[in-house]
PDB file of N, CA and C in Angstrom:
ATOM      1  N   MET A   1      -4.574   0.991  -8.318  1.00  0.00           N
ATOM      2  CA  MET A   1      -4.907  -0.376  -8.654  1.00  0.00           C
ATOM      3  C   MET A   1      -5.975  -0.847  -7.666  1.00  0.00           C
ATOM      4  N   ASP A   2      -7.050  -1.385  -8.195  1.00  0.00           N
ATOM      5  CA  ASP A   2      -8.098  -1.835  -7.272  1.00  0.00           C
ATOM      6  C   ASP A   2      -7.801  -3.255  -6.773  1.00  0.00           C
ATOM      7  N   ARG A   3      -8.541  -3.653  -5.764  1.00  0.00           N
ATOM      8  CA  ARG A   3      -8.326  -4.919  -5.068  1.00  0.00           C
ATOM      9  C   ARG A   3      -8.432  -6.126  -6.010  1.00  0.00           C
ATOM     10  N   GLU A   4      -9.445  -6.144  -6.863  1.00  0.00           N
ATOM     11  CA  GLU A   4      -9.629  -7.279  -7.767  1.00  0.00           C
ATOM     12  C   GLU A   4      -8.482  -7.385  -8.763  1.00  0.00           C
ATOM     13  N   GLU A   5      -8.023  -6.237  -9.251  1.00  0.00           N
ATOM     14  CA  GLU A   5      -6.910  -6.249 -10.198  1.00  0.00           C
ATOM     15  C   GLU A   5      -5.647  -6.794  -9.538  1.00  0.00           C
ATOM     16  N   LEU A   6      -5.373  -6.349  -8.313  1.00  0.00           N
ATOM     17  CA  LEU A   6      -4.196  -6.852  -7.608  1.00  0.00           C
ATOM     18  C   LEU A   6      -4.312  -8.346  -7.342  1.00  0.00           C
ATOM     19  N   ALA A   7      -5.462  -8.797  -6.874  1.00  0.00           N
ATOM     20  CA  ALA A   7      -5.651 -10.231  -6.624  1.00  0.00           C
ATOM     21  C   ALA A   7      -5.442 -11.035  -7.911  1.00  0.00           C
ATOM     22  N   GLY A   8      -5.875 -10.482  -9.036  1.00  0.00           N
ATOM     23  CA  GLY A   8      -5.698 -11.155 -10.317  1.00  0.00           C
ATOM     24  C   GLY A   8      -4.244 -11.270 -10.749  1.00  0.00           C
ATOM     25  N   LEU A   9      -3.406 -10.342 -10.287  1.00  0.00           N
ATOM     26  CA  LEU A   9      -1.987 -10.400 -10.621  1.00  0.00           C
ATOM     27  C   LEU A   9      -1.221 -11.379  -9.733  1.00  0.00           C
ATOM     28  N   LEU A  10      -1.790 -11.730  -8.596  1.00  0.00           N
ATOM     29  CA  LEU A  10      -1.139 -12.647  -7.653  1.00  0.00           C
ATOM     30  C   LEU A  10      -1.484 -14.085  -8.029  1.00  0.00           C
ATOM     31  N   VAL A  11      -0.937 -14.527  -9.155  1.00  0.00           N
ATOM     32  CA  VAL A  11      -1.300 -15.828  -9.716  1.00  0.00           C
ATOM     33  C   VAL A  11      -0.266 -16.916  -9.452  1.00  0.00           C
ATOM     34  N   GLY A  12       0.803 -16.589  -8.741  1.00  0.00           N
ATOM     35  CA  GLY A  12       1.845 -17.573  -8.470  1.00  0.00           C
ATOM     36  C   GLY A  12       1.336 -18.726  -7.627  1.00  0.00           C
ATOM     37  N   VAL A  13       2.038 -19.837  -7.716  1.00  0.00           N
ATOM     38  CA  VAL A  13       1.662 -21.017  -6.934  1.00  0.00           C
ATOM     39  C   VAL A  13       2.533 -21.162  -5.694  1.00  0.00           C
ATOM     40  N   ASP A  14       3.448 -20.208  -5.492  1.00  0.00           N
ATOM     41  CA  ASP A  14       4.295 -20.266  -4.304  1.00  0.00           C
ATOM     42  C   ASP A  14       3.499 -19.814  -3.080  1.00  0.00           C
ATOM     43  N   ALA A  15       3.966 -20.193  -1.916  1.00  0.00           N
ATOM     44  CA  ALA A  15       3.248 -19.917  -0.671  1.00  0.00           C
ATOM     45  C   ALA A  15       3.068 -18.421  -0.431  1.00  0.00           C
ATOM     46  N   ALA A  16       4.085 -17.615  -0.742  1.00  0.00           N
ATOM     47  CA  ALA A  16       3.989 -16.171  -0.507  1.00  0.00           C
ATOM     48  C   ALA A  16       2.895 -15.547  -1.373  1.00  0.00           C
ATOM     49  N   SER A  17       2.862 -15.882  -2.652  1.00  0.00           N
ATOM     50  CA  SER A  17       1.840 -15.324  -3.551  1.00  0.00           C
ATOM     51  C   SER A  17       0.440 -15.772  -3.158  1.00  0.00           C
ATOM     52  N   MET A  18       0.308 -17.048  -2.803  1.00  0.00           N
ATOM     53  CA  MET A  18      -1.015 -17.558  -2.434  1.00  0.00           C
ATOM     54  C   MET A  18      -1.507 -16.913  -1.141  1.00  0.00           C
ATOM     55  N   GLY A  19      -0.631 -16.785  -0.135  1.00  0.00           N
ATOM     56  CA  GLY A  19      -1.021 -16.143   1.113  1.00  0.00           C
ATOM     57  C   GLY A  19      -1.381 -14.689   0.902  1.00  0.00           C
ATOM     58  N   CYS A  20      -0.624 -14.012   0.070  1.00  0.00           N
ATOM     59  CA  CYS A  20      -0.893 -12.605  -0.218  1.00  0.00           C
ATOM     60  C   CYS A  20      -2.218 -12.449  -0.966  1.00  0.00           C
ATOM     61  N   ARG A  21      -2.456 -13.313  -1.919  1.00  0.00           N
ATOM     62  CA  ARG A  21      -3.719 -13.246  -2.678  1.00  0.00           C
ATOM     63  C   ARG A  21      -4.922 -13.461  -1.751  1.00  0.00           C
ATOM     64  N   ARG A  22      -4.820 -14.441  -0.859  1.00  0.00           N
ATOM     65  CA  ARG A  22      -5.914 -14.683   0.098  1.00  0.00           C
ATOM     66  C   ARG A  22      -6.152 -13.444   0.945  1.00  0.00           C
ATOM     67  N   ALA A  23      -5.070 -12.813   1.393  1.00  0.00           N
ATOM     68  CA  ALA A  23      -5.189 -11.623   2.239  1.00  0.00           C
ATOM     69  C   ALA A  23      -5.850 -10.473   1.479  1.00  0.00           C
ATOM     70  N   VAL A  24      -5.423 -10.235   0.255  1.00  0.00           N
ATOM     71  CA  VAL A  24      -6.011  -9.158  -0.556  1.00  0.00           C
ATOM     72  C   VAL A  24      -7.498  -9.440  -0.788  1.00  0.00           C
ATOM     73  N   SER A  25      -7.815 -10.663  -1.150  1.00  0.00           N
ATOM     74  CA  SER A  25      -9.213 -11.036  -1.408  1.00  0.00           C
ATOM     75  C   SER A  25     -10.085 -10.927  -0.163  1.00  0.00           C
ATOM     76  N   ALA A  26      -9.477 -11.104   1.022  1.00  0.00           N
ATOM     77  CA  ALA A  26     -10.221 -11.036   2.280  1.00  0.00           C
ATOM     78  C   ALA A  26     -10.317  -9.610   2.831  1.00  0.00           C
ATOM     79  N   GLY A  27      -9.750  -8.647   2.102  1.00  0.00           N
ATOM     80  CA  GLY A  27      -9.904  -7.258   2.526  1.00  0.00           C
ATOM     81  C   GLY A  27      -8.722  -6.649   3.254  1.00  0.00           C
ATOM     82  N   ALA A  28      -7.559  -7.290   3.212  1.00  0.00           N
ATOM     83  CA  ALA A  28      -6.379  -6.743   3.893  1.00  0.00           C
ATOM     84  C   ALA A  28      -6.012  -5.375   3.318  1.00  0.00           C
ATOM     85  N   ARG A  29      -5.381  -4.569   4.157  1.00  0.00           N
ATOM     86  CA  ARG A  29      -4.912  -3.251   3.736  1.00  0.00           C
ATOM     87  C   ARG A  29      -3.737  -3.439   2.777  1.00  0.00           C
ATOM     88  N   TYR A  30      -3.716  -2.645   1.678  1.00  0.00           N
ATOM     89  CA  TYR A  30      -2.640  -2.770   0.703  1.00  0.00           C
ATOM     90  C   TYR A  30      -2.349  -1.416   0.055  1.00  0.00           C
ATOM     91  N   TRP A  31      -1.191  -1.323  -0.592  1.00  0.00           N
ATOM     92  CA  TRP A  31      -0.852  -0.185  -1.441  1.00  0.00           C
ATOM     93  C   TRP A  31       0.032  -0.685  -2.575  1.00  0.00           C
ATOM     94  N   VAL A  32      -0.023   0.016  -3.681  1.00  0.00           N
ATOM     95  CA  VAL A  32       0.811  -0.282  -4.841  1.00  0.00           C
ATOM     96  C   VAL A  32       1.261   1.052  -5.410  1.00  0.00           C
ATOM     97  N   GLU A  33       2.541   1.140  -5.767  1.00  0.00           N
ATOM     98  CA  GLU A  33       3.048   2.360  -6.395  1.00  0.00           C
ATOM     99  C   GLU A  33       2.229   2.684  -7.635  1.00  0.00           C
ATOM    100  N   HIS A  34       2.150   3.947  -7.931  1.00  0.00           N
ATOM    101  CA  HIS A  34       1.435   4.400  -9.126  1.00  0.00           C
ATOM    102  C   HIS A  34       2.406   4.596 -10.279  1.00  0.00           C
ATOM    103  N   GLN A  35       1.874   4.673 -11.473  1.00  0.00           N
ATOM    104  CA  GLN A  35       2.689   4.908 -12.662  1.00  0.00           C
ATOM    105  C   GLN A  35       3.532   6.168 -12.516  1.00  0.00           C
ATOM    106  N   THR A  36       3.059   7.137 -11.743  1.00  0.00           N
ATOM    107  CA  THR A  36       3.795   8.393 -11.606  1.00  0.00           C
ATOM    108  C   THR A  36       4.949   8.281 -10.621  1.00  0.00           C
ATOM    109  N   ASP A  37       4.962   7.247  -9.776  1.00  0.00           N
ATOM    110  CA  ASP A  37       6.078   7.033  -8.857  1.00  0.00           C
ATOM    111  C   ASP A  37       7.280   6.538  -9.654  1.00  0.00           C
ATOM    112  N   ARG A  38       8.450   6.838  -9.157  1.00  0.00           N
ATOM    113  CA  ARG A  38       9.669   6.428  -9.856  1.00  0.00           C
ATOM    114  C   ARG A  38      10.025   4.984  -9.504  1.00  0.00           C
ATOM    115  N   PRO A  39      10.128   4.113 -10.515  1.00  0.00           N
ATOM    116  CA  PRO A  39      10.536   2.730 -10.231  1.00  0.00           C
ATOM    117  C   PRO A  39      11.999   2.665  -9.806  1.00  0.00           C
ATOM    118  N   VAL A  40      12.369   1.554  -9.182  1.00  0.00           N
ATOM    119  CA  VAL A  40      13.718   1.344  -8.665  1.00  0.00           C
ATOM    120  C   VAL A  40      14.365   0.208  -9.453  1.00  0.00           C
ATOM    121  N   PRO A  41      15.653   0.315  -9.792  1.00  0.00           N
ATOM    122  CA  PRO A  41      16.309  -0.796 -10.490  1.00  0.00           C
ATOM    123  C   PRO A  41      16.279  -2.076  -9.642  1.00  0.00           C
ATOM    124  N   ALA A  42      16.001  -3.186 -10.285  1.00  0.00           N
ATOM    125  CA  ALA A  42      15.898  -4.465  -9.587  1.00  0.00           C
ATOM    126  C   ALA A  42      17.182  -4.807  -8.836  1.00  0.00           C
ATOM    127  N   SER A  43      18.329  -4.485  -9.416  1.00  0.00           N
ATOM    128  CA  SER A  43      19.600  -4.819  -8.760  1.00  0.00           C
ATOM    129  C   SER A  43      19.732  -4.098  -7.412  1.00  0.00           C
ATOM    130  N   HIS A  44      19.243  -2.889  -7.336  1.00  0.00           N
ATOM    131  CA  HIS A  44      19.275  -2.130  -6.079  1.00  0.00           C
ATOM    132  C   HIS A  44      18.396  -2.818  -5.024  1.00  0.00           C
ATOM    133  N   LEU A  45      17.204  -3.219  -5.434  1.00  0.00           N
ATOM    134  CA  LEU A  45      16.295  -3.911  -4.505  1.00  0.00           C
ATOM    135  C   LEU A  45      16.846  -5.269  -4.089  1.00  0.00           C
ATOM    136  N   ALA A  46      17.528  -5.959  -5.003  1.00  0.00           N
ATOM    137  CA  ALA A  46      18.121  -7.262  -4.666  1.00  0.00           C
ATOM    138  C   ALA A  46      19.117  -7.110  -3.525  1.00  0.00           C
ATOM    139  N   ARG A  47      19.959  -6.076  -3.582  1.00  0.00           N
ATOM    140  CA  ARG A  47      20.929  -5.848  -2.500  1.00  0.00           C
ATOM    141  C   ARG A  47      20.226  -5.524  -1.191  1.00  0.00           C
ATOM    142  N   ILE A  48      19.227  -4.657  -1.241  1.00  0.00           N
ATOM    143  CA  ILE A  48      18.502  -4.270  -0.031  1.00  0.00           C
ATOM    144  C   ILE A  48      17.830  -5.478   0.616  1.00  0.00           C
ATOM    145  N   TYR A  49      17.114  -6.260  -0.188  1.00  0.00           N
ATOM    146  CA  TYR A  49      16.350  -7.372   0.375  1.00  0.00           C
ATOM    147  C   TYR A  49      17.222  -8.565   0.746  1.00  0.00           C
ATOM    148  N   ALA A  50      18.391  -8.720   0.148  1.00  0.00           N
ATOM    149  CA  ALA A  50      19.326  -9.755   0.600  1.00  0.00           C
ATOM    150  C   ALA A  50      19.778  -9.429   2.023  1.00  0.00           C
ATOM    151  N   GLY A  51      20.047  -8.157   2.291  1.00  0.00           N
ATOM    152  CA  GLY A  51      20.419  -7.737   3.648  1.00  0.00           C
ATOM    153  C   GLY A  51      19.279  -7.915   4.630  1.00  0.00           C
ATOM    154  N   ARG A  52      18.088  -7.558   4.211  1.00  0.00           N
ATOM    155  CA  ARG A  52      16.922  -7.733   5.096  1.00  0.00           C
ATOM    156  C   ARG A  52      16.672  -9.208   5.384  1.00  0.00           C
ATOM    157  N   GLN A  53      16.899 -10.052   4.389  1.00  0.00           N
ATOM    158  CA  GLN A  53      16.722 -11.485   4.605  1.00  0.00           C
ATOM    159  C   GLN A  53      17.658 -11.976   5.702  1.00  0.00           C
ATOM    160  N   ARG A  54      18.905 -11.540   5.667  1.00  0.00           N
ATOM    161  CA  ARG A  54      19.860 -11.950   6.703  1.00  0.00           C
ATOM    162  C   ARG A  54      19.402 -11.479   8.085  1.00  0.00           C
ATOM    163  N   ARG A  55      18.906 -10.241   8.167  1.00  0.00           N
ATOM    164  CA  ARG A  55      18.495  -9.699   9.465  1.00  0.00           C
ATOM    165  C   ARG A  55      17.263 -10.406  10.030  1.00  0.00           C
ATOM    166  N   VAL A  56      16.276 -10.679   9.209  1.00  0.00           N
ATOM    167  CA  VAL A  56      15.081 -11.345   9.744  1.00  0.00           C
ATOM    168  C   VAL A  56      15.366 -12.801  10.076  1.00  0.00           C
ATOM    169  N   ARG A  57      16.246 -13.430   9.300  1.00  0.00           N
ATOM    170  CA  ARG A  57      16.631 -14.808   9.617  1.00  0.00           C
ATOM    171  C   ARG A  57      17.347 -14.847  10.958  1.00  0.00           C
ATOM    172  N   LYS A  58      18.266 -13.892  11.172  1.00  0.00           N
ATOM    173  CA  LYS A  58      19.006 -13.816  12.430  1.00  0.00           C
ATOM    174  C   LYS A  58      18.068 -13.555  13.607  1.00  0.00           C
ATOM    175  N   ALA A  59      17.025 -12.772  13.372  1.00  0.00           N
ATOM    176  CA  ALA A  59      16.046 -12.474  14.416  1.00  0.00           C
ATOM    177  C   ALA A  59      15.089 -13.640  14.650  1.00  0.00           C
ATOM    178  N   GLY A  60      15.121 -14.656  13.784  1.00  0.00           N
ATOM    179  CA  GLY A  60      14.273 -15.827  13.962  1.00  0.00           C
ATOM    180  C   GLY A  60      12.826 -15.611  13.565  1.00  0.00           C
ATOM    181  N   ARG A  61      12.564 -14.610  12.742  1.00  0.00           N
ATOM    182  CA  ARG A  61      11.183 -14.337  12.323  1.00  0.00           C
ATOM    183  C   ARG A  61      10.819 -15.191  11.111  1.00  0.00           C
ATOM    184  N   PRO A  62       9.654 -15.820  11.133  1.00  0.00           N
ATOM    185  CA  PRO A  62       9.225 -16.634   9.991  1.00  0.00           C
ATOM    186  C   PRO A  62       9.048 -15.785   8.726  1.00  0.00           C
ATOM    187  N   THR A  63       9.462 -16.326   7.601  1.00  0.00           N
ATOM    188  CA  THR A  63       9.314 -15.662   6.310  1.00  0.00           C
ATOM    189  C   THR A  63       8.872 -16.671   5.269  1.00  0.00           C
ATOM    190  N   THR A  64       8.444 -16.150   4.134  1.00  0.00           N
ATOM    191  CA  THR A  64       8.134 -16.987   2.989  1.00  0.00           C
ATOM    192  C   THR A  64       8.512 -16.225   1.720  1.00  0.00           C
ATOM    193  N   GLY A  65       9.150 -16.920   0.803  1.00  0.00           N
ATOM    194  CA  GLY A  65       9.471 -16.351  -0.502  1.00  0.00           C
ATOM    195  C   GLY A  65      10.687 -15.461  -0.569  1.00  0.00           C
ATOM    196  N   PHE A  66      11.434 -15.312   0.515  1.00  0.00           N
ATOM    197  CA  PHE A  66      12.550 -14.361   0.538  1.00  0.00           C
ATOM    198  C   PHE A  66      13.641 -14.731  -0.471  1.00  0.00           C
ATOM    199  N   ALA A  67      14.169 -15.927  -0.372  1.00  0.00           N
ATOM    200  CA  ALA A  67      15.270 -16.334  -1.258  1.00  0.00           C
ATOM    201  C   ALA A  67      14.838 -16.279  -2.721  1.00  0.00           C
ATOM    202  N   GLU A  68      13.625 -16.734  -2.990  1.00  0.00           N
ATOM    203  CA  GLU A  68      13.118 -16.733  -4.357  1.00  0.00           C
ATOM    204  C   GLU A  68      12.994 -15.313  -4.895  1.00  0.00           C
ATOM    205  N   ALA A  69      12.493 -14.392  -4.071  1.00  0.00           N
ATOM    206  CA  ALA A  69      12.325 -13.007  -4.513  1.00  0.00           C
ATOM    207  C   ALA A  69      13.670 -12.348  -4.786  1.00  0.00           C
ATOM    208  N   VAL A  70      14.649 -12.571  -3.922  1.00  0.00           N
ATOM    209  CA  VAL A  70      15.976 -11.987  -4.140  1.00  0.00           C
ATOM    210  C   VAL A  70      16.571 -12.528  -5.442  1.00  0.00           C
ATOM    211  N   ALA A  71      16.395 -13.811  -5.705  1.00  0.00           N
ATOM    212  CA  ALA A  71      16.908 -14.400  -6.954  1.00  0.00           C
ATOM    213  C   ALA A  71      16.216 -13.785  -8.173  1.00  0.00           C
ATOM    214  N   VAL A  72      14.909 -13.593  -8.087  1.00  0.00           N
ATOM    215  CA  VAL A  72      14.171 -12.967  -9.195  1.00  0.00           C
ATOM    216  C   VAL A  72      14.665 -11.547  -9.425  1.00  0.00           C
ATOM    217  N   LEU A  73      14.842 -10.789  -8.349  1.00  0.00           N
ATOM    218  CA  LEU A  73      15.323  -9.416  -8.491  1.00  0.00           C
ATOM    219  C   LEU A  73      16.714  -9.380  -9.109  1.00  0.00           C
ATOM    220  N   ARG A  74      17.585 -10.272  -8.686  1.00  0.00           N
ATOM    221  CA  ARG A  74      18.941 -10.322  -9.278  1.00  0.00           C
ATOM    222  C   ARG A  74      18.860 -10.626 -10.777  1.00  0.00           C
ATOM    223  N   ALA A  75      17.988 -11.539 -11.135  1.00  0.00           N
ATOM    224  CA  ALA A  75      17.845 -11.919 -12.541  1.00  0.00           C
ATOM    225  C   ALA A  75      17.284 -10.781 -13.398  1.00  0.00           C
ATOM    226  N   GLN A  76      16.568  -9.862 -12.791  1.00  0.00           N
ATOM    227  CA  GLN A  76      15.987  -8.737 -13.532  1.00  0.00           C
ATOM    228  C   GLN A  76      17.023  -7.666 -13.870  1.00  0.00           C
ATOM    229  N   GLY A  77      18.187  -7.723 -13.241  1.00  0.00           N
ATOM    230  CA  GLY A  77      19.252  -6.775 -13.553  1.00  0.00           C
ATOM    231  C   GLY A  77      18.852  -5.339 -13.246  1.00  0.00           C
ATOM    232  N   GLU A  78      18.928  -4.483 -14.246  1.00  0.00           N
ATOM    233  CA  GLU A  78      18.625  -3.056 -14.072  1.00  0.00           C
ATOM    234  C   GLU A  78      17.189  -2.700 -14.445  1.00  0.00           C
ATOM    235  N   ARG A  79      16.356  -3.689 -14.713  1.00  0.00           N
ATOM    236  CA  ARG A  79      14.959  -3.392 -15.066  1.00  0.00           C
ATOM    237  C   ARG A  79      14.272  -2.646 -13.931  1.00  0.00           C
ATOM    238  N   PRO A  80      13.416  -1.699 -14.287  1.00  0.00           N
ATOM    239  CA  PRO A  80      12.703  -0.938 -13.256  1.00  0.00           C
ATOM    240  C   PRO A  80      11.622  -1.785 -12.583  1.00  0.00           C
ATOM    241  N   ILE A  81      11.561  -1.664 -11.262  1.00  0.00           N
ATOM    242  CA  ILE A  81      10.607  -2.430 -10.451  1.00  0.00           C
ATOM    243  C   ILE A  81       9.756  -1.451  -9.654  1.00  0.00           C
ATOM    244  N   ARG A  82       8.498  -1.775  -9.520  1.00  0.00           N
ATOM    245  CA  ARG A  82       7.594  -1.002  -8.663  1.00  0.00           C
ATOM    246  C   ARG A  82       7.237  -1.869  -7.455  1.00  0.00           C
ATOM    247  N   LEU A  83       6.935  -1.224  -6.367  1.00  0.00           N
ATOM    248  CA  LEU A  83       6.670  -1.929  -5.110  1.00  0.00           C
ATOM    249  C   LEU A  83       5.210  -1.846  -4.706  1.00  0.00           C
ATOM    250  N   GLY A  84       4.822  -2.813  -3.907  1.00  0.00           N
ATOM    251  CA  GLY A  84       3.525  -2.818  -3.273  1.00  0.00           C
ATOM    252  C   GLY A  84       3.658  -3.532  -1.943  1.00  0.00           C
ATOM    253  N   ALA A  85       2.628  -3.442  -1.129  1.00  0.00           N
ATOM    254  CA  ALA A  85       2.660  -4.118   0.170  1.00  0.00           C
ATOM    255  C   ALA A  85       1.242  -4.480   0.589  1.00  0.00           C
ATOM    256  N   VAL A  86       1.151  -5.524   1.378  1.00  0.00           N
ATOM    257  CA  VAL A  86      -0.121  -5.982   1.941  1.00  0.00           C
ATOM    258  C   VAL A  86       0.135  -6.286   3.408  1.00  0.00           C
ATOM    259  N   ASP A  87      -0.709  -5.755   4.274  1.00  0.00           N
ATOM    260  CA  ASP A  87      -0.591  -6.013   5.712  1.00  0.00           C
ATOM    261  C   ASP A  87      -1.773  -6.835   6.186  1.00  0.00           C
ATOM    262  N   VAL A  88      -1.460  -7.909   6.876  1.00  0.00           N
ATOM    263  CA  VAL A  88      -2.470  -8.830   7.389  1.00  0.00           C
ATOM    264  C   VAL A  88      -2.475  -8.723   8.912  1.00  0.00           C
ATOM    265  N   ALA A  89      -3.664  -8.575   9.471  1.00  0.00           N
ATOM    266  CA  ALA A  89      -3.780  -8.432  10.921  1.00  0.00           C
ATOM    267  C   ALA A  89      -3.573  -9.763  11.641  1.00  0.00           C
ATOM    268  N   GLU A  90      -4.184 -10.826  11.148  1.00  0.00           N
ATOM    269  CA  GLU A  90      -4.120 -12.109  11.848  1.00  0.00           C
ATOM    270  C   GLU A  90      -4.026 -13.253  10.855  1.00  0.00           C
ATOM    271  N   PRO A  91      -2.947 -13.994  10.836  1.00  0.00           N
ATOM    272  CA  PRO A  91      -1.744 -13.788  11.641  1.00  0.00           C
ATOM    273  C   PRO A  91      -1.025 -12.540  11.140  1.00  0.00           C
ATOM    274  N   PRO A  92      -0.265 -11.895  11.991  1.00  0.00           N
ATOM    275  CA  PRO A  92       0.349 -10.620  11.627  1.00  0.00           C
ATOM    276  C   PRO A  92       1.490 -10.799  10.625  1.00  0.00           C
ATOM    277  N   TYR A  93       1.166 -10.611   9.347  1.00  0.00           N
ATOM    278  CA  TYR A  93       2.155 -10.749   8.275  1.00  0.00           C
ATOM    279  C   TYR A  93       2.208  -9.473   7.452  1.00  0.00           C
ATOM    280  N   HIS A  94       3.396  -9.199   6.924  1.00  0.00           N
ATOM    281  CA  HIS A  94       3.596  -8.094   5.986  1.00  0.00           C
ATOM    282  C   HIS A  94       4.150  -8.700   4.711  1.00  0.00           C
ATOM    283  N   TYR A  95       3.482  -8.457   3.592  1.00  0.00           N
ATOM    284  CA  TYR A  95       3.935  -8.942   2.295  1.00  0.00           C
ATOM    285  C   TYR A  95       4.480  -7.779   1.482  1.00  0.00           C
ATOM    286  N   MET A  96       5.628  -7.971   0.869  1.00  0.00           N
ATOM    287  CA  MET A  96       6.184  -7.016  -0.087  1.00  0.00           C
ATOM    288  C   MET A  96       6.003  -7.597  -1.477  1.00  0.00           C
ATOM    289  N   LEU A  97       5.514  -6.766  -2.381  1.00  0.00           N
ATOM    290  CA  LEU A  97       5.284  -7.182  -3.759  1.00  0.00           C
ATOM    291  C   LEU A  97       6.244  -6.435  -4.666  1.00  0.00           C
ATOM    292  N   PHE A  98       6.787  -7.142  -5.631  1.00  0.00           N
ATOM    293  CA  PHE A  98       7.689  -6.572  -6.617  1.00  0.00           C
ATOM    294  C   PHE A  98       7.010  -6.742  -7.970  1.00  0.00           C
ATOM    295  N   LEU A  99       6.666  -5.614  -8.590  1.00  0.00           N
ATOM    296  CA  LEU A  99       5.909  -5.617  -9.832  1.00  0.00           C
ATOM    297  C   LEU A  99       6.734  -5.045 -10.969  1.00  0.00           C
ATOM    298  N   ASP A 100       6.354  -5.410 -12.200  1.00  0.00           N
ATOM    299  CA  ASP A 100       7.032  -4.838 -13.355  1.00  0.00           C
ATOM    300  C   ASP A 100       6.708  -3.347 -13.462  1.00  0.00           C
ATOM    301  N   GLU A 101       7.439  -2.670 -14.304  1.00  0.00           N
ATOM    302  CA  GLU A 101       7.328  -1.220 -14.437  1.00  0.00           C
ATOM    303  C   GLU A 101       5.915  -0.749 -14.793  1.00  0.00           C
ATOM    304  N   HIS A 102       5.188  -1.558 -15.545  1.00  0.00           N
ATOM    305  CA  HIS A 102       3.863  -1.158 -16.029  1.00  0.00           C
ATOM    306  C   HIS A 102       2.717  -1.672 -15.159  1.00  0.00           C
ATOM    307  N   LEU A 103       3.068  -2.277 -14.036  1.00  0.00           N
ATOM    308  CA  LEU A 103       2.078  -2.813 -13.093  1.00  0.00           C
ATOM    309  C   LEU A 103       1.157  -3.841 -13.748  1.00  0.00           C
ATOM    310  N   THR A 104       1.750  -4.682 -14.601  1.00  0.00           N
ATOM    311  CA  THR A 104       0.965  -5.716 -15.264  1.00  0.00           C
ATOM    312  C   THR A 104       1.300  -7.120 -14.780  1.00  0.00           C
ATOM    313  N   LYS A 105       2.355  -7.231 -13.944  1.00  0.00           N
ATOM    314  CA  LYS A 105       2.766  -8.557 -13.478  1.00  0.00           C
ATOM    315  C   LYS A 105       3.452  -8.441 -12.120  1.00  0.00           C
ATOM    316  N   VAL A 106       3.094  -9.336 -11.208  1.00  0.00           N
ATOM    317  CA  VAL A 106       3.817  -9.462  -9.943  1.00  0.00           C
ATOM    318  C   VAL A 106       4.966 -10.425 -10.199  1.00  0.00           C
ATOM    319  N   LEU A 107       6.183  -9.936 -10.015  1.00  0.00           N
ATOM    320  CA  LEU A 107       7.368 -10.749 -10.284  1.00  0.00           C
ATOM    321  C   LEU A 107       7.744 -11.630  -9.101  1.00  0.00           C
ATOM    322  N   ALA A 108       7.526 -11.126  -7.890  1.00  0.00           N
ATOM    323  CA  ALA A 108       7.893 -11.879  -6.690  1.00  0.00           C
ATOM    324  C   ALA A 108       7.155 -11.305  -5.484  1.00  0.00           C
ATOM    325  N   VAL A 109       7.020 -12.135  -4.459  1.00  0.00           N
ATOM    326  CA  VAL A 109       6.366 -11.735  -3.210  1.00  0.00           C
ATOM    327  C   VAL A 109       7.182 -12.278  -2.040  1.00  0.00           C
ATOM    328  N   ILE A 110       7.343 -11.435  -1.034  1.00  0.00           N
ATOM    329  CA  ILE A 110       7.990 -11.833   0.214  1.00  0.00           C
ATOM    330  C   ILE A 110       6.974 -11.669   1.336  1.00  0.00           C
ATOM    331  N   GLY A 111       6.890 -12.644   2.210  1.00  0.00           N
ATOM    332  CA  GLY A 111       6.057 -12.535   3.400  1.00  0.00           C
ATOM    333  C   GLY A 111       6.918 -12.616   4.649  1.00  0.00           C
ATOM    334  N   VAL A 112       6.696 -11.697   5.587  1.00  0.00           N
ATOM    335  CA  VAL A 112       7.447 -11.680   6.843  1.00  0.00           C
ATOM    336  C   VAL A 112       6.453 -11.554   7.993  1.00  0.00           C
ATOM    337  N   ARG A 113       6.584 -12.445   8.948  1.00  0.00           N
ATOM    338  CA  ARG A 113       5.739 -12.348  10.139  1.00  0.00           C
ATOM    339  C   ARG A 113       6.165 -11.121  10.931  1.00  0.00           C
ATOM    340  N   ARG A 114       5.207 -10.257  11.223  1.00  0.00           N
ATOM    341  CA  ARG A 114       5.499  -9.051  12.004  1.00  0.00           C
ATOM    342  C   ARG A 114       5.632  -9.407  13.465  1.00  0.00           C
ATOM    343  N   ARG A 115       6.367  -8.577  14.156  1.00  0.00           N
ATOM    344  CA  ARG A 115       6.495  -8.769  15.602  1.00  0.00           C
ATOM    345  C   ARG A 115       5.161  -8.474  16.256  1.00  0.00           C
ATOM    346  N   PRO A 116       4.823  -9.214  17.301  1.00  0.00           N
ATOM    347  CA  PRO A 116       3.586  -8.920  18.016  1.00  0.00           C
ATOM    348  C   PRO A 116       3.625  -7.534  18.626  1.00  0.00           C
ATOM    349  N   GLU A 117       2.489  -6.880  18.638  1.00  0.00           N
ATOM    350  CA  GLU A 117       2.381  -5.548  19.264  1.00  0.00           C
ATOM    351  C   GLU A 117       2.558  -5.698  20.775  1.00  0.00           C
ATOM    352  N   PRO A 118       3.284  -4.752  21.411  1.00  0.00           N
ATOM    353  CA  PRO A 118       3.489  -4.856  22.869  1.00  0.00           C
ATOM    354  C   PRO A 118       2.207  -4.615  23.635  1.00  0.00           C
TER     355      PRO A 118
END
């Protein structure tokens, strides 16, 4: 998936989608699973990311879109989900993208502030 196509899929009005779209458009490093990669059931990802949400909240790290993304994943049930990610250098953020099986829609985005490098 090229940069323009990914930016075009990040059409949400939530803070996580908008921040991720700005980062992609500005040249941030990104990856998206390919059609040949095996998608993961949404319910499995919902459990994983609910746990991660608790851990990052406990660590006091700023996030955006976490609760909304977990709710979207739960609502998707067993539908196959593909993943993507965007890394931003400044401010240091990592975005996780949850896409439909055919890579035609971004269903949810999570942004997590990365720990500063030592």
